[in-house]
């Protein structure tokens, strides 16, 4: 997988119907990237305890 090949830990979010839950996260990223000083050089991170 590309993500794993470039050094990211991959997490299976589930079946394809779960993709609809990830779309709002993408929309939030787009809004922050283009309406704040953050620009496109940031990401969200999943943290574990």
Protein backbone atom coordinates (compact mmCIF):
# COMPACT_ATOMS: atom_id res chain seq x y z
CA UNK A 1 0.00 0.00 0.00
CA UNK A 2 1.25 3.45 -0.83
CA UNK A 3 0.73 4.88 2.67
CA UNK A 4 2.67 2.08 4.29
CA UNK A 5 5.39 2.27 1.64
CA UNK A 6 6.05 5.93 2.49
CA UNK A 7 6.13 5.38 6.25
CA UNK A 8 2.57 5.78 7.52
CA UNK A 9 0.82 3.34 9.83
CA UNK A 10 -2.34 2.18 8.08
CA UNK A 11 -5.62 1.80 9.97
CA UNK A 12 -8.55 -0.05 8.43
CA UNK A 13 -11.60 2.18 8.91
CA UNK A 14 -13.98 -0.54 7.76
CA UNK A 15 -16.03 -1.32 4.68
CA UNK A 16 -16.68 1.14 1.88
CA UNK A 17 -19.94 2.37 3.43
CA UNK A 18 -17.87 3.88 6.26
CA UNK A 19 -16.23 6.23 3.73
CA UNK A 20 -19.20 8.58 4.15
CA UNK A 21 -17.99 9.20 7.72
CA UNK A 22 -14.57 10.30 6.46
CA UNK A 23 -15.94 12.78 3.93
CA UNK A 24 -16.84 15.44 6.56
CA UNK A 25 -13.27 15.23 7.88
CA UNK A 26 -12.02 15.97 4.37
CA UNK A 27 -14.43 18.91 4.08
CA UNK A 28 -13.15 20.29 7.41
CA UNK A 29 -9.57 20.00 6.15
CA UNK A 30 -10.45 21.82 2.94
CA UNK A 31 -12.24 24.61 4.80
CA UNK A 32 -9.34 25.13 7.21
CA UNK A 33 -6.77 24.94 4.43
CA UNK A 34 -8.39 27.63 2.33
CA UNK A 35 -9.95 29.95 4.92
CA UNK A 36 -7.23 30.18 7.58
CA UNK A 37 -3.52 30.84 7.73
CA UNK A 38 -2.85 27.11 8.07
CA UNK A 39 -2.66 26.68 4.32
CA UNK A 40 -2.42 23.15 2.97
CA UNK A 41 0.58 22.10 5.07
CA UNK A 42 -1.21 20.42 8.01
CA UNK A 43 -2.94 17.15 8.83
CA UNK A 44 -5.11 15.50 11.43
CA UNK A 45 -3.68 12.71 13.53
CA UNK A 46 -5.29 9.72 15.22
CA UNK A 47 -3.88 9.36 18.74
CA UNK A 48 -3.97 6.24 20.87
CA UNK A 49 -3.77 5.99 24.64
